[in-house]
Every structure is written in C-alpha cells, then in structure tokens.
Amino acid sequence: MNEELKFNPVDKFPAKVEGEQFSRTVLLYDKDLDNFDLGYYDFELQKWQGMGGFQIDVICWSYIPVPNELQVSGFDSVTID
C-alpha cells in the first residue's frame, strides 16, 4: 500500500494490523524535526512505541512510502550484511 506522503498528528492513529493490537509500522518524527524513528501505535497499551531504543518526543507521523516497480526498475541493489 502506498499512501501519498502525508504528516499526521499524534492524536490520529495509523491503520491497525488486522487481527493484532498494534498499527502498521510508520515513521515517527521528533518535535524538533531533526530526528525520526520507525514505530507503531499500540492500541492495547494506548501509546506510541518507537523501535530505535532511544527517547523521542513525537510530534507527527507518516506512513512509510513504498516505491513502485517502475520507479526503481533501473536501480542496482547492494547486499547489507
């Protein structure tokens, strides 16, 4: 799924993963806009959770953009170990 890149306030929650108590993974943005983290909203705990293991003061979030095949068809890939 590839939504238009849109920034949402933290009181609006991302789509819930079907059959789970948490949202889809999103990008969480720090209030100073100089840092971001991957994260999700935990509907059971009713709070945002970051995945980076560091403190972040979240001001907004966005869905992670997913390129379509035509956008990246000429790109080379690299393996990360």
C-alpha atoms as a PDB file:
ATOM      1  CA  MET A   1       0.000   0.000   0.000  1.00  0.00           C
ATOM      2  CA  ASN A   2       1.424   3.379  -0.956  1.00  0.00           C
ATOM      3  CA  GLU A   3      -0.376   6.366   0.526  1.00  0.00           C
ATOM      4  CA  GLU A   4       0.558   9.879  -0.507  1.00  0.00           C
ATOM      5  CA  LEU A   5       3.241  11.167   1.874  1.00  0.00           C
ATOM      6  CA  LYS A   6       1.169  12.994   4.466  1.00  0.00           C
ATOM      7  CA  PHE A   7       2.051  14.036   8.007  1.00  0.00           C
ATOM      8  CA  ASN A   8      -0.460  13.238  10.736  1.00  0.00           C
ATOM      9  CA  PRO A   9      -0.802  14.497  14.324  1.00  0.00           C
ATOM     10  CA  VAL A  10      -0.153  12.013  17.133  1.00  0.00           C
ATOM     11  CA  ASP A  11      -3.813  12.057  18.179  1.00  0.00           C
ATOM     12  CA  LYS A  12      -4.724  10.465  14.826  1.00  0.00           C
ATOM     13  CA  PHE A  13      -3.721   6.806  14.719  1.00  0.00           C
ATOM     14  CA  PRO A  14      -2.438   4.694  11.805  1.00  0.00           C
ATOM     15  CA  ALA A  15      -4.361   1.741  10.420  1.00  0.00           C
ATOM     16  CA  LYS A  16      -4.480  -1.253  12.738  1.00  0.00           C
ATOM     17  CA  VAL A  17      -2.870  -4.521  11.596  1.00  0.00           C
ATOM     18  CA  GLU A  18      -5.699  -6.997  11.052  1.00  0.00           C
ATOM     19  CA  GLY A  19      -6.034  -9.409  13.985  1.00  0.00           C
ATOM     20  CA  GLU A  20      -3.440  -7.538  16.089  1.00  0.00           C
ATOM     21  CA  GLN A  21      -3.480  -4.844  18.772  1.00  0.00           C
ATOM     22  CA  PHE A  22      -0.969  -2.557  17.035  1.00  0.00           C
ATOM     23  CA  SER A  23      -0.802  -0.345  13.970  1.00  0.00           C
ATOM     24  CA  ARG A  24       1.185  -0.624  10.788  1.00  0.00           C
ATOM     25  CA  THR A  25       4.810   0.490  11.073  1.00  0.00           C
ATOM     26  CA  VAL A  26       5.186   4.230  10.457  1.00  0.00           C
ATOM     27  CA  LEU A  27       7.825   6.960  10.574  1.00  0.00           C
ATOM     28  CA  LEU A  28       7.703   8.917  13.845  1.00  0.00           C
ATOM     29  CA  TYR A  29       9.124  12.457  13.738  1.00  0.00           C
ATOM     30  CA  ASP A  30      10.753  14.247  16.678  1.00  0.00           C
ATOM     31  CA  LYS A  31       9.287  17.619  17.727  1.00  0.00           C
ATOM     32  CA  ASP A  32      12.482  19.378  16.576  1.00  0.00           C
ATOM     33  CA  LEU A  33      12.133  17.666  13.155  1.00  0.00           C
ATOM     34  CA  ASP A  34      15.827  16.717  13.287  1.00  0.00           C
ATOM     35  CA  ASN A  35      15.272  13.060  14.154  1.00  0.00           C
ATOM     36  CA  PHE A  36      12.893  10.249  13.255  1.00  0.00           C
ATOM     37  CA  ASP A  37      12.327   6.619  14.161  1.00  0.00           C
ATOM     38  CA  LEU A  38      10.333   3.659  12.973  1.00  0.00           C
ATOM     39  CA  GLY A  39       7.436   2.967  15.286  1.00  0.00           C
ATOM     40  CA  TYR A  40       3.809   1.997  15.718  1.00  0.00           C
ATOM     41  CA  TYR A  41       0.790   2.700  17.886  1.00  0.00           C
ATOM     42  CA  ASP A  42      -0.044   0.035  20.479  1.00  0.00           C
ATOM     43  CA  PHE A  43      -3.841   0.045  20.819  1.00  0.00           C
ATOM     44  CA  GLU A  44      -3.778  -2.239  23.866  1.00  0.00           C
ATOM     45  CA  LEU A  45      -1.363  -0.005  25.826  1.00  0.00           C
ATOM     46  CA  GLN A  46      -2.784   3.129  24.163  1.00  0.00           C
ATOM     47  CA  LYS A  47       0.624   4.613  23.436  1.00  0.00           C
ATOM     48  CA  TRP A  48       3.192   5.145  20.713  1.00  0.00           C
ATOM     49  CA  GLN A  49       6.162   2.768  20.601  1.00  0.00           C
ATOM     50  CA  GLY A  50       9.485   3.520  18.902  1.00  0.00           C
ATOM     51  CA  MET A  51      11.725   0.758  17.555  1.00  0.00           C
ATOM     52  CA  GLY A  52      15.075   2.546  17.787  1.00  0.00           C
ATOM     53  CA  GLY A  53      15.581   2.131  21.516  1.00  0.00           C
ATOM     54  CA  PHE A  54      16.028   5.845  22.209  1.00  0.00           C
ATOM     55  CA  GLN A  55      13.760   8.558  23.586  1.00  0.00           C
ATOM     56  CA  ILE A  56      11.897  10.664  21.053  1.00  0.00           C
ATOM     57  CA  ASP A  57       9.321  13.430  21.568  1.00  0.00           C
ATOM     58  CA  VAL A  58       6.948  12.565  18.741  1.00  0.00           C
ATOM     59  CA  ILE A  59       5.108  15.443  17.079  1.00  0.00           C
ATOM     60  CA  CYS A  60       3.794  13.704  13.966  1.00  0.00           C
ATOM     61  CA  TRP A  61       3.932  10.515  11.935  1.00  0.00           C
ATOM     62  CA  SER A  62       3.632   9.357   8.329  1.00  0.00           C
ATOM     63  CA  TYR A  63       3.182   6.082   6.537  1.00  0.00           C
ATOM     64  CA  ILE A  64       6.413   4.716   5.054  1.00  0.00           C
ATOM     65  CA  PRO A  65       6.490   5.436   1.314  1.00  0.00           C
ATOM     66  CA  VAL A  66       6.832   2.327  -0.844  1.00  0.00           C
ATOM     67  CA  PRO A  67       8.265   2.799  -4.366  1.00  0.00           C
ATOM     68  CA  ASN A  68       6.538   1.077  -7.229  1.00  0.00           C
ATOM     69  CA  GLU A  69       8.464  -1.187  -9.595  1.00  0.00           C
ATOM     70  CA  LEU A  70       8.613   1.397 -12.395  1.00  0.00           C
ATOM     71  CA  GLN A  71      10.244   3.963 -10.094  1.00  0.00           C
ATOM     72  CA  VAL A  72      13.169   1.666  -9.249  1.00  0.00           C
ATOM     73  CA  SER A  73      13.434  -0.620 -12.283  1.00  0.00           C
ATOM     74  CA  GLY A  74      16.819   0.807 -13.383  1.00  0.00           C
ATOM     75  CA  PHE A  75      18.421   0.814  -9.935  1.00  0.00           C
ATOM     76  CA  ASP A  76      21.170  -1.572  -8.812  1.00  0.00           C
ATOM     77  CA  SER A  77      20.863  -3.206  -5.404  1.00  0.00           C
ATOM     78  CA  VAL A  78      23.513  -3.845  -2.750  1.00  0.00           C
ATOM     79  CA  THR A  79      23.575  -6.514  -0.059  1.00  0.00           C
ATOM     80  CA  ILE A  80      23.891  -5.375   3.554  1.00  0.00           C
ATOM     81  CA  ASP A  81      25.321  -7.974   5.929  1.00  0.00           C
END
